């Protein structure tokens, strides 16, 4: 009888260890998911602030506030400028657009417009000024 109880306790104990291992694995997955989402949300917030700063009257005529990669959270360009955007080639434009999870479309000029829009660097007309 005592041996039967020991066998049951050992079996129950091993099941609890398996359950604990599974739960730890699942919690690690949730933690990783939240870490990825936090990076993304932080980058989206920074990009919105940069876009706003780049559009404000009185913003630099050439320098731009940086945008951030939605997967890594890092700047997509170290010192972005309007003139650099105008000189950028199709491959670079596509890389920056993809870092922002924007699908590059059209000609080189259309991709440039997409990136300028992402930066908030497109010309804005102020009426009544």
N, C-alpha and C. Protein backbone atom coordinates (compact mmCIF):
# COMPACT_ATOMS: atom_id res chain seq x y z
N UNK A 1 0.82 -1.20 0.00
CA UNK A 1 0.00 0.00 0.00
C UNK A 1 0.86 1.26 0.00
N UNK A 2 1.92 1.27 0.85
CA UNK A 2 2.80 2.44 0.91
C UNK A 2 3.52 2.62 -0.42
N UNK A 3 3.91 1.50 -1.04
CA UNK A 3 4.59 1.60 -2.34
C UNK A 3 3.63 2.13 -3.39
N UNK A 4 2.37 1.72 -3.33
CA UNK A 4 1.37 2.22 -4.27
C UNK A 4 1.18 3.73 -4.11
N UNK A 5 1.14 4.22 -2.86
CA UNK A 5 1.03 5.66 -2.62
C UNK A 5 2.25 6.40 -3.14
N UNK A 6 3.44 5.83 -2.91
CA UNK A 6 4.67 6.46 -3.41
C UNK A 6 4.65 6.55 -4.93
N UNK A 7 4.17 5.51 -5.58
CA UNK A 7 4.10 5.52 -7.04
C UNK A 7 3.15 6.61 -7.51
N UNK A 8 2.02 6.74 -6.85
CA UNK A 8 1.06 7.78 -7.22
C UNK A 8 1.64 9.18 -6.99
N UNK A 9 2.31 9.36 -5.85
CA UNK A 9 2.91 10.67 -5.57
C UNK A 9 4.02 10.99 -6.57
N UNK A 10 4.80 10.00 -6.92
CA UNK A 10 5.87 10.20 -7.90
C UNK A 10 5.27 10.57 -9.25
N UNK A 11 4.22 9.86 -9.63
CA UNK A 11 3.56 10.15 -10.91
C UNK A 11 2.96 11.56 -10.90
N UNK A 12 2.28 11.91 -9.80
CA UNK A 12 1.68 13.24 -9.69
C UNK A 12 2.76 14.31 -9.70
N UNK A 13 3.85 14.05 -9.00
CA UNK A 13 4.96 15.01 -8.97
C UNK A 13 5.54 15.22 -10.36
N UNK A 14 5.71 14.15 -11.12
CA UNK A 14 6.26 14.30 -12.47
C UNK A 14 5.28 15.05 -13.38
N UNK A 15 3.99 14.84 -13.20
CA UNK A 15 3.00 15.59 -13.97
C UNK A 15 3.05 17.07 -13.63
N UNK A 16 3.22 17.39 -12.36
CA UNK A 16 3.32 18.79 -11.95
C UNK A 16 4.58 19.44 -12.52
N UNK A 17 5.67 18.70 -12.56
CA UNK A 17 6.91 19.23 -13.14
C UNK A 17 6.70 19.50 -14.63
N UNK A 18 6.06 18.58 -15.32
CA UNK A 18 5.76 18.78 -16.75
C UNK A 18 4.86 19.99 -16.96
N UNK A 19 3.85 20.13 -16.12
CA UNK A 19 2.94 21.26 -16.22
C UNK A 19 3.67 22.57 -15.96
N UNK A 20 4.54 22.57 -14.96
CA UNK A 20 5.31 23.78 -14.66
C UNK A 20 6.22 24.15 -15.83
N UNK A 21 6.88 23.17 -16.41
CA UNK A 21 7.75 23.41 -17.56
C UNK A 21 6.95 23.98 -18.73
N UNK A 22 5.79 23.40 -18.99
CA UNK A 22 4.94 23.88 -20.07
C UNK A 22 4.48 25.31 -19.81
N UNK A 23 4.08 25.60 -18.60
CA UNK A 23 3.62 26.95 -18.26
C UNK A 23 4.75 27.97 -18.39
N UNK A 24 5.96 27.61 -17.94
CA UNK A 24 7.10 28.51 -18.08
C UNK A 24 7.38 28.78 -19.55
N UNK A 25 7.30 27.75 -20.38
CA UNK A 25 7.52 27.91 -21.82
C UNK A 25 6.47 28.85 -22.41
N UNK A 26 5.22 28.67 -22.03
CA UNK A 26 4.14 29.52 -22.55
C UNK A 26 4.31 30.97 -22.09
N UNK A 27 4.67 31.17 -20.83
CA UNK A 27 4.88 32.53 -20.33
C UNK A 27 6.05 33.20 -21.03
N UNK A 28 7.10 32.45 -21.33
CA UNK A 28 8.23 33.02 -22.08
C UNK A 28 7.77 33.47 -23.47
N UNK A 29 6.90 32.68 -24.09
CA UNK A 29 6.35 33.06 -25.39
C UNK A 29 5.53 34.34 -25.31
N UNK A 30 4.73 34.46 -24.28
CA UNK A 30 3.93 35.67 -24.09
C UNK A 30 4.85 36.86 -23.84
N UNK A 31 5.89 36.66 -23.02
CA UNK A 31 6.85 37.75 -22.76
C UNK A 31 7.52 38.20 -24.05
N UNK A 32 7.93 37.25 -24.90
CA UNK A 32 8.56 37.60 -26.18
C UNK A 32 7.58 38.38 -27.06
N UNK A 33 6.35 37.93 -27.10
CA UNK A 33 5.33 38.61 -27.91
C UNK A 33 5.13 40.05 -27.43
N UNK A 34 5.04 40.24 -26.12
CA UNK A 34 4.87 41.59 -25.59
C UNK A 34 6.10 42.45 -25.86
N UNK A 35 7.28 41.88 -25.79
CA UNK A 35 8.50 42.64 -26.07
C UNK A 35 8.49 43.14 -27.52
N UNK A 36 8.09 42.27 -28.44
CA UNK A 36 8.01 42.65 -29.86
C UNK A 36 6.96 43.74 -30.04
N UNK A 37 5.82 43.59 -29.41
CA UNK A 37 4.76 44.59 -29.53
C UNK A 37 5.17 45.93 -28.91
N UNK A 38 5.93 45.88 -27.82
CA UNK A 38 6.40 47.12 -27.19
C UNK A 38 7.35 47.87 -28.11
N UNK A 39 8.25 47.14 -28.78
CA UNK A 39 9.17 47.77 -29.73
C UNK A 39 8.37 48.43 -30.84
N UNK A 40 7.40 47.70 -31.37
CA UNK A 40 6.58 48.22 -32.46
C UNK A 40 5.79 49.47 -32.04
N UNK A 41 5.15 49.40 -30.89
CA UNK A 41 4.35 50.54 -30.42
C UNK A 41 5.23 51.75 -30.14
N UNK A 42 6.40 51.53 -29.57
CA UNK A 42 7.32 52.63 -29.31
C UNK A 42 7.77 53.28 -30.62
N UNK A 43 8.10 52.45 -31.62
CA UNK A 43 8.51 52.98 -32.93
C UNK A 43 7.36 53.73 -33.60
N UNK A 44 6.15 53.21 -33.53
CA UNK A 44 5.00 53.90 -34.11
C UNK A 44 4.79 55.27 -33.45
N UNK A 45 4.93 55.30 -32.14
CA UNK A 45 4.78 56.57 -31.41
C UNK A 45 5.86 57.56 -31.83
N UNK A 46 7.11 57.11 -31.85
CA UNK A 46 8.21 58.00 -32.25
C UNK A 46 8.02 58.49 -33.69
N UNK A 47 7.57 57.60 -34.57
CA UNK A 47 7.35 57.98 -35.97
C UNK A 47 6.26 59.03 -36.09
N UNK A 48 5.21 58.89 -35.31
CA UNK A 48 4.13 59.88 -35.34
C UNK A 48 4.64 61.24 -34.86
N UNK A 49 5.46 61.24 -33.82
CA UNK A 49 6.02 62.49 -33.30
C UNK A 49 6.99 63.11 -34.32
N UNK A 50 7.81 62.28 -34.95
CA UNK A 50 8.74 62.79 -35.97
C UNK A 50 7.98 63.38 -37.14
N UNK A 51 6.95 62.66 -37.59
CA UNK A 51 6.14 63.14 -38.71
C UNK A 51 5.52 64.50 -38.39
N UNK A 52 5.01 64.63 -37.19
CA UNK A 52 4.43 65.90 -36.76
C UNK A 52 5.49 67.00 -36.73
N UNK A 53 6.63 66.71 -36.13
CA UNK A 53 7.72 67.71 -36.06
C UNK A 53 8.18 68.13 -37.45
N UNK A 54 8.22 67.19 -38.38
CA UNK A 54 8.68 67.50 -39.74
C UNK A 54 7.68 68.36 -40.51
N UNK A 55 6.43 68.37 -40.08
CA UNK A 55 5.39 69.13 -40.78
C UNK A 55 5.12 70.50 -40.18
N UNK A 56 5.57 70.71 -38.97
CA UNK A 56 5.24 71.96 -38.30
C UNK A 56 5.85 73.16 -39.01
N UNK A 57 5.12 74.26 -39.06
CA UNK A 57 5.71 75.48 -39.60
C UNK A 57 6.94 75.82 -38.76
N UNK A 58 7.99 76.23 -39.41
CA UNK A 58 9.23 76.53 -38.69
C UNK A 58 10.16 75.35 -38.59
N UNK A 59 9.73 74.18 -39.10
CA UNK A 59 10.62 73.02 -39.11
C UNK A 59 11.77 73.32 -40.06
N UNK A 60 12.88 72.66 -39.85
CA UNK A 60 14.05 72.86 -40.70
C UNK A 60 13.69 72.69 -42.17
N UNK A 61 14.32 73.51 -43.01
CA UNK A 61 14.03 73.41 -44.44
C UNK A 61 14.67 72.16 -45.05
N UNK A 62 15.67 71.56 -44.38
CA UNK A 62 16.30 70.37 -44.94
C UNK A 62 16.35 69.21 -43.95
N UNK A 63 16.75 69.45 -42.71
CA UNK A 63 16.87 68.37 -41.73
C UNK A 63 15.50 67.81 -41.37
N UNK A 64 15.48 66.49 -41.16
CA UNK A 64 14.24 65.82 -40.77
C UNK A 64 14.45 65.08 -39.46
N UNK A 65 13.39 64.96 -38.69
CA UNK A 65 13.42 64.10 -37.52
C UNK A 65 13.41 62.66 -38.02
N UNK A 66 14.14 61.76 -37.36
CA UNK A 66 14.26 60.39 -37.87
C UNK A 66 13.00 59.57 -37.69
N UNK A 67 12.90 58.53 -38.53
CA UNK A 67 11.86 57.51 -38.38
C UNK A 67 12.52 56.23 -37.87
N UNK A 68 11.71 55.34 -37.30
CA UNK A 68 12.23 54.16 -36.64
C UNK A 68 11.65 52.89 -37.25
N UNK A 69 12.52 51.88 -37.38
CA UNK A 69 12.14 50.57 -37.90
C UNK A 69 11.12 49.94 -36.95
N UNK A 70 10.02 49.43 -37.49
CA UNK A 70 8.96 48.89 -36.65
C UNK A 70 9.31 47.54 -36.03
N UNK A 71 10.31 46.86 -36.56
CA UNK A 71 10.70 45.56 -35.99
C UNK A 71 11.84 45.69 -34.98
N UNK A 72 12.80 46.57 -35.28
CA UNK A 72 13.98 46.69 -34.42
C UNK A 72 13.91 47.87 -33.47
N UNK A 73 13.13 48.88 -33.82
CA UNK A 73 13.06 50.08 -33.01
C UNK A 73 14.21 51.04 -33.27
N UNK A 74 15.11 50.70 -34.19
CA UNK A 74 16.26 51.56 -34.50
C UNK A 74 15.90 52.57 -35.58
N UNK A 75 16.66 53.67 -35.61
CA UNK A 75 16.47 54.67 -36.66
C UNK A 75 16.71 54.03 -38.02
N UNK A 76 15.88 54.38 -39.00
CA UNK A 76 16.11 53.83 -40.34
C UNK A 76 17.19 54.61 -41.07
N UNK A 77 17.43 55.85 -40.65
CA UNK A 77 18.48 56.71 -41.20
C UNK A 77 19.03 57.52 -40.05
N UNK A 78 20.34 57.70 -40.01
CA UNK A 78 20.93 58.43 -38.89
C UNK A 78 20.64 59.93 -38.96
N UNK A 79 20.89 60.56 -40.08
CA UNK A 79 20.68 62.01 -40.22
C UNK A 79 19.85 62.28 -41.47
N UNK A 80 18.55 62.03 -41.42
CA UNK A 80 17.73 62.22 -42.62
C UNK A 80 17.57 63.69 -43.00
N UNK A 81 17.62 63.94 -44.30
CA UNK A 81 17.39 65.30 -44.81
C UNK A 81 16.48 65.21 -46.03
N UNK A 82 15.82 66.30 -46.31
CA UNK A 82 14.97 66.37 -47.50
C UNK A 82 15.81 66.20 -48.77
N UNK A 83 16.99 66.82 -48.80
CA UNK A 83 17.85 66.71 -49.99
C UNK A 83 18.34 65.28 -50.19
N UNK A 84 18.62 64.55 -49.10
CA UNK A 84 19.04 63.15 -49.23
C UNK A 84 17.89 62.30 -49.78
N UNK A 85 16.66 62.60 -49.37
CA UNK A 85 15.51 61.87 -49.91
C UNK A 85 15.40 62.09 -51.42
N UNK A 86 15.69 63.31 -51.86
CA UNK A 86 15.60 63.63 -53.29
C UNK A 86 16.66 62.90 -54.11
N UNK A 87 17.79 62.55 -53.49
CA UNK A 87 18.87 61.85 -54.20
C UNK A 87 18.80 60.33 -54.07
N UNK A 88 17.95 59.84 -53.22
CA UNK A 88 17.90 58.41 -52.92
C UNK A 88 17.46 57.58 -54.11
N UNK A 89 18.09 56.43 -54.29
CA UNK A 89 17.77 55.51 -55.37
C UNK A 89 16.71 54.51 -54.93
N UNK A 90 16.17 53.81 -55.91
CA UNK A 90 15.03 52.91 -55.70
C UNK A 90 15.30 51.85 -54.63
N UNK A 91 16.48 51.22 -54.65
CA UNK A 91 16.77 50.14 -53.69
C UNK A 91 16.75 50.67 -52.26
N UNK A 92 17.37 51.83 -52.04
CA UNK A 92 17.38 52.42 -50.70
C UNK A 92 15.98 52.83 -50.28
N UNK A 93 15.24 53.42 -51.20
CA UNK A 93 13.85 53.81 -50.90
C UNK A 93 13.04 52.60 -50.47
N UNK A 94 13.19 51.50 -51.22
CA UNK A 94 12.45 50.27 -50.89
C UNK A 94 12.83 49.74 -49.52
N UNK A 95 14.13 49.74 -49.20
CA UNK A 95 14.57 49.25 -47.89
C UNK A 95 13.96 50.07 -46.75
N UNK A 96 13.98 51.39 -46.89
CA UNK A 96 13.42 52.25 -45.85
C UNK A 96 11.92 52.07 -45.74
N UNK A 97 11.24 51.96 -46.86
CA UNK A 97 9.79 51.76 -46.83
C UNK A 97 9.44 50.44 -46.16
N UNK A 98 10.19 49.39 -46.48
CA UNK A 98 9.92 48.08 -45.86
C UNK A 98 10.18 48.12 -44.36
N UNK A 99 11.19 48.88 -43.93
CA UNK A 99 11.46 49.01 -42.49
C UNK A 99 10.28 49.66 -41.77
N UNK A 100 9.51 50.44 -42.52
CA UNK A 100 8.32 51.09 -41.96
C UNK A 100 7.06 50.28 -42.24
N UNK A 101 7.25 49.10 -42.83
CA UNK A 101 6.15 48.20 -43.22
C UNK A 101 5.20 48.87 -44.20
N UNK A 102 5.78 49.64 -45.11
CA UNK A 102 5.04 50.25 -46.21
C UNK A 102 5.44 49.50 -47.47
N UNK A 103 4.48 49.06 -48.25
CA UNK A 103 4.77 48.32 -49.47
C UNK A 103 5.21 49.30 -50.55
N UNK A 104 6.47 49.17 -51.03
CA UNK A 104 6.94 50.08 -52.08
C UNK A 104 6.15 49.86 -53.36
N UNK A 105 5.67 50.95 -53.93
CA UNK A 105 4.85 50.84 -55.15
C UNK A 105 5.29 51.87 -56.17
N UNK A 106 5.23 51.46 -57.44
CA UNK A 106 5.41 52.40 -58.54
C UNK A 106 6.86 52.69 -58.87
N UNK A 107 7.02 53.82 -59.53
CA UNK A 107 8.33 54.25 -60.01
C UNK A 107 9.18 54.74 -58.83
N UNK A 108 10.42 55.06 -59.15
CA UNK A 108 11.32 55.60 -58.12
C UNK A 108 10.74 56.88 -57.51
N UNK A 109 10.19 57.75 -58.35
CA UNK A 109 9.59 58.99 -57.84
C UNK A 109 8.39 58.72 -56.95
N UNK A 110 7.59 57.72 -57.30
CA UNK A 110 6.43 57.37 -56.47
C UNK A 110 6.87 56.79 -55.13
N UNK A 111 7.93 55.98 -55.14
CA UNK A 111 8.48 55.45 -53.88
C UNK A 111 9.04 56.59 -53.03
N UNK A 112 9.69 57.55 -53.68
CA UNK A 112 10.22 58.71 -52.97
C UNK A 112 9.07 59.49 -52.32
N UNK A 113 7.99 59.65 -53.04
CA UNK A 113 6.81 60.33 -52.47
C UNK A 113 6.25 59.55 -51.28
N UNK A 114 6.24 58.21 -51.38
CA UNK A 114 5.78 57.39 -50.26
C UNK A 114 6.64 57.65 -49.02
N UNK A 115 7.96 57.67 -49.22
CA UNK A 115 8.86 57.88 -48.09
C UNK A 115 8.74 59.31 -47.55
N UNK A 116 8.62 60.27 -48.44
CA UNK A 116 8.42 61.66 -47.99
C UNK A 116 7.15 61.78 -47.17
N UNK A 117 6.11 61.11 -47.61
CA UNK A 117 4.85 61.14 -46.86
C UNK A 117 5.05 60.50 -45.49
N UNK A 118 5.79 59.40 -45.43
CA UNK A 118 6.05 58.74 -44.15
C UNK A 118 6.81 59.67 -43.21
N UNK A 119 7.74 60.45 -43.75
CA UNK A 119 8.49 61.42 -42.95
C UNK A 119 7.68 62.66 -42.61
N UNK A 120 6.60 62.88 -43.33
CA UNK A 120 5.86 64.12 -43.16
C UNK A 120 6.58 65.26 -43.86
N UNK A 121 7.35 64.91 -44.90
CA UNK A 121 8.22 65.89 -45.56
C UNK A 121 7.65 66.42 -46.86
N UNK A 122 6.44 66.05 -47.19
CA UNK A 122 5.84 66.56 -48.42
C UNK A 122 5.47 68.01 -48.23
N UNK A 123 5.49 68.74 -49.31
CA UNK A 123 5.17 70.17 -49.25
C UNK A 123 3.74 70.37 -48.76
N UNK A 124 3.58 71.30 -47.86
CA UNK A 124 2.26 71.64 -47.33
C UNK A 124 1.99 73.09 -47.69
N UNK A 125 0.85 73.34 -48.25
CA UNK A 125 0.47 74.70 -48.62
C UNK A 125 -0.35 75.30 -47.49
N UNK A 126 0.05 76.48 -47.06
CA UNK A 126 -0.69 77.19 -46.02
C UNK A 126 -1.45 78.33 -46.68
N UNK A 127 -2.75 78.31 -46.57
CA UNK A 127 -3.59 79.34 -47.17
C UNK A 127 -3.84 80.44 -46.15
N UNK A 128 -3.92 81.64 -46.64
CA UNK A 128 -4.23 82.77 -45.76
C UNK A 128 -3.02 83.30 -45.03
N UNK A 129 -1.83 82.87 -45.41
CA UNK A 129 -0.62 83.34 -44.71
C UNK A 129 -0.09 84.59 -45.35
